[in-house]
Amino acid sequence: MKKLLLAAAFVGASTFAAFAQTSTAPATDGDTPAVATPDSSNPTAPVEGANSFTEAQAKDRIVEAGYADVTGLKLDDKGVWRGTAMKDGKSMNVALDYQGNIVAN
């Protein structure tokens, strides 16, 4: 009988813990996606934030966007990868934010 009561108490407590972790509010406001898709970009890019891209992933993403000879990639204190690359025969500065937005100038 004690085991049955203990099991019931455990199941009940774990149910309350699951409800406590459920959030009804959205994680973002919808205007700033976590990751940019190829069809969209954030007009305020590059966006500051915790960047989880490794240097290799950042370089691959920039190359996939049509840039070549990506060099000097460094993660700055705002969470933006910055470096230089070539596109259309011109060298330019490139930046990749945590959303995947690529900005060149």
C-alpha atoms as a PDB file:
ATOM      1  CA  MET A   1       0.000   0.000   0.000  1.00  0.00           C
ATOM      2  CA  LYS A   2       2.862   2.393   0.827  1.00  0.00           C
ATOM      3  CA  LYS A   3       4.435   1.744  -2.573  1.00  0.00           C
ATOM      4  CA  LEU A   4       1.171   2.533  -4.339  1.00  0.00           C
ATOM      5  CA  LEU A   5       0.769   5.816  -2.464  1.00  0.00           C
ATOM      6  CA  LEU A   6       4.388   6.724  -3.109  1.00  0.00           C
ATOM      7  CA  ALA A   7       4.007   5.989  -6.829  1.00  0.00           C
ATOM      8  CA  ALA A   8       0.806   8.055  -7.008  1.00  0.00           C
ATOM      9  CA  ALA A   9       2.488  10.975  -5.233  1.00  0.00           C
ATOM     10  CA  PHE A  10       5.456  10.799  -7.600  1.00  0.00           C
ATOM     11  CA  VAL A  11       3.249  10.782 -10.704  1.00  0.00           C
ATOM     12  CA  GLY A  12       1.216  13.699  -9.353  1.00  0.00           C
ATOM     13  CA  ALA A  13       4.328  15.731  -8.525  1.00  0.00           C
ATOM     14  CA  SER A  14       5.863  15.133 -11.946  1.00  0.00           C
ATOM     15  CA  THR A  15       2.634  16.290 -13.609  1.00  0.00           C
ATOM     16  CA  PHE A  16       2.771  19.599 -11.721  1.00  0.00           C
ATOM     17  CA  ALA A  17       6.408  20.051 -12.774  1.00  0.00           C
ATOM     18  CA  ALA A  18       5.441  19.569 -16.415  1.00  0.00           C
ATOM     19  CA  PHE A  19       2.712  22.215 -16.139  1.00  0.00           C
ATOM     20  CA  ALA A  20       5.128  24.636 -14.510  1.00  0.00           C
ATOM     21  CA  GLN A  21       7.464  24.378 -17.511  1.00  0.00           C
ATOM     22  CA  THR A  22       4.752  25.043 -20.074  1.00  0.00           C
ATOM     23  CA  SER A  23       4.764  28.589 -21.357  1.00  0.00           C
ATOM     24  CA  THR A  24       1.857  30.181 -23.176  1.00  0.00           C
ATOM     25  CA  ALA A  25       3.839  33.252 -24.255  1.00  0.00           C
ATOM     26  CA  PRO A  26       5.872  33.015 -27.468  1.00  0.00           C
ATOM     27  CA  ALA A  27       9.652  32.940 -27.149  1.00  0.00           C
ATOM     28  CA  THR A  28       9.993  35.834 -29.610  1.00  0.00           C
ATOM     29  CA  ASP A  29       7.718  38.498 -30.932  1.00  0.00           C
ATOM     30  CA  GLY A  30       7.784  36.952 -34.416  1.00  0.00           C
ATOM     31  CA  ASP A  31       9.626  39.866 -35.981  1.00  0.00           C
ATOM     32  CA  THR A  32      13.101  38.521 -35.254  1.00  0.00           C
ATOM     33  CA  PRO A  33      13.363  34.816 -36.101  1.00  0.00           C
ATOM     34  CA  ALA A  34      16.017  32.707 -34.427  1.00  0.00           C
ATOM     35  CA  VAL A  35      17.508  31.768 -37.802  1.00  0.00           C
ATOM     36  CA  ALA A  36      17.120  33.539 -41.126  1.00  0.00           C
ATOM     37  CA  THR A  37      15.818  31.478 -44.022  1.00  0.00           C
ATOM     38  CA  PRO A  38      17.198  31.815 -47.542  1.00  0.00           C
ATOM     39  CA  ASP A  39      14.041  33.722 -48.519  1.00  0.00           C
ATOM     40  CA  SER A  40      14.233  36.289 -45.735  1.00  0.00           C
ATOM     41  CA  SER A  41      16.608  38.381 -43.714  1.00  0.00           C
ATOM     42  CA  ASN A  42      16.282  40.775 -40.851  1.00  0.00           C
ATOM     43  CA  PRO A  43      16.481  44.364 -42.102  1.00  0.00           C
ATOM     44  CA  THR A  44      18.287  45.376 -38.898  1.00  0.00           C
ATOM     45  CA  ALA A  45      21.042  42.804 -39.475  1.00  0.00           C
ATOM     46  CA  PRO A  46      23.558  42.078 -38.212  1.00  0.00           C
ATOM     47  CA  VAL A  47      21.658  41.413 -34.999  1.00  0.00           C
ATOM     48  CA  GLU A  48      23.536  41.250 -31.710  1.00  0.00           C
ATOM     49  CA  GLY A  49      23.075  38.057 -29.718  1.00  0.00           C
ATOM     50  CA  ALA A  50      24.567  34.815 -28.522  1.00  0.00           C
ATOM     51  CA  ASN A  51      25.953  33.164 -31.661  1.00  0.00           C
ATOM     52  CA  SER A  52      26.113  29.381 -31.727  1.00  0.00           C
ATOM     53  CA  PHE A  53      27.747  29.102 -35.176  1.00  0.00           C
ATOM     54  CA  THR A  54      31.273  27.715 -35.123  1.00  0.00           C
ATOM     55  CA  GLU A  55      33.852  29.415 -37.328  1.00  0.00           C
ATOM     56  CA  ALA A  56      33.567  26.588 -39.870  1.00  0.00           C
ATOM     57  CA  GLN A  57      29.765  26.827 -39.930  1.00  0.00           C
ATOM     58  CA  ALA A  58      29.935  30.597 -40.339  1.00  0.00           C
ATOM     59  CA  LYS A  59      32.365  30.257 -43.235  1.00  0.00           C
ATOM     60  CA  ASP A  60      30.226  27.570 -44.909  1.00  0.00           C
ATOM     61  CA  ARG A  61      27.103  29.698 -44.606  1.00  0.00           C
ATOM     62  CA  ILE A  62      28.866  32.724 -46.134  1.00  0.00           C
ATOM     63  CA  VAL A  63      30.216  30.589 -49.004  1.00  0.00           C
ATOM     64  CA  GLU A  64      26.722  29.155 -49.611  1.00  0.00           C
ATOM     65  CA  ALA A  65      25.493  32.751 -49.971  1.00  0.00           C
ATOM     66  CA  GLY A  66      27.808  33.224 -52.968  1.00  0.00           C
ATOM     67  CA  TYR A  67      30.977  34.603 -51.413  1.00  0.00           C
ATOM     68  CA  ALA A  68      34.466  33.189 -52.007  1.00  0.00           C
ATOM     69  CA  ASP A  69      37.844  33.378 -50.284  1.00  0.00           C
ATOM     70  CA  VAL A  70      36.335  33.974 -46.830  1.00  0.00           C
ATOM     71  CA  THR A  71      39.185  34.949 -44.500  1.00  0.00           C
ATOM     72  CA  GLY A  72      39.821  36.502 -41.127  1.00  0.00           C
ATOM     73  CA  LEU A  73      36.595  35.404 -39.475  1.00  0.00           C
ATOM     74  CA  LYS A  74      36.461  36.553 -35.865  1.00  0.00           C
ATOM     75  CA  LEU A  75      33.549  36.471 -33.429  1.00  0.00           C
ATOM     76  CA  ASP A  76      33.167  39.970 -32.006  1.00  0.00           C
ATOM     77  CA  ASP A  77      31.935  40.932 -28.544  1.00  0.00           C
ATOM     78  CA  LYS A  78      28.380  41.397 -29.882  1.00  0.00           C
ATOM     79  CA  GLY A  79      28.131  37.805 -31.179  1.00  0.00           C
ATOM     80  CA  VAL A  80      28.661  38.639 -34.857  1.00  0.00           C
ATOM     81  CA  TRP A  81      31.158  36.790 -37.050  1.00  0.00           C
ATOM     82  CA  ARG A  82      33.138  39.341 -39.119  1.00  0.00           C
ATOM     83  CA  GLY A  83      35.689  38.818 -41.864  1.00  0.00           C
ATOM     84  CA  THR A  84      36.446  39.529 -45.507  1.00  0.00           C
ATOM     85  CA  ALA A  85      35.320  37.760 -48.668  1.00  0.00           C
ATOM     86  CA  MET A  86      35.223  38.134 -52.434  1.00  0.00           C
ATOM     87  CA  LYS A  87      32.070  38.519 -54.511  1.00  0.00           C
ATOM     88  CA  ASP A  88      31.789  39.616 -58.124  1.00  0.00           C
ATOM     89  CA  GLY A  89      35.553  40.222 -58.178  1.00  0.00           C
ATOM     90  CA  LYS A  90      35.427  42.663 -55.269  1.00  0.00           C
ATOM     91  CA  SER A  91      36.793  42.260 -51.765  1.00  0.00           C
ATOM     92  CA  MET A  92      34.343  43.269 -49.058  1.00  0.00           C
ATOM     93  CA  ASN A  93      33.703  43.013 -45.347  1.00  0.00           C
ATOM     94  CA  VAL A  94      31.117  40.407 -44.385  1.00  0.00           C
ATOM     95  CA  ALA A  95      29.221  39.799 -41.167  1.00  0.00           C
ATOM     96  CA  LEU A  96      27.099  36.838 -40.039  1.00  0.00           C
ATOM     97  CA  ASP A  97      24.799  37.197 -37.039  1.00  0.00           C
ATOM     98  CA  TYR A  98      23.227  34.532 -34.833  1.00  0.00           C
ATOM     99  CA  GLN A  99      20.093  34.508 -37.010  1.00  0.00           C
ATOM    100  CA  GLY A 100      22.141  33.598 -40.078  1.00  0.00           C
ATOM    101  CA  ASN A 101      21.800  37.025 -41.699  1.00  0.00           C
ATOM    102  CA  ILE A 102      24.765  37.911 -43.897  1.00  0.00           C
ATOM    103  CA  VAL A 103      25.619  41.569 -44.388  1.00  0.00           C
ATOM    104  CA  ALA A 104      28.338  42.825 -46.747  1.00  0.00           C
ATOM    105  CA  ASN A 105      29.815  46.249 -47.278  1.00  0.00           C
END
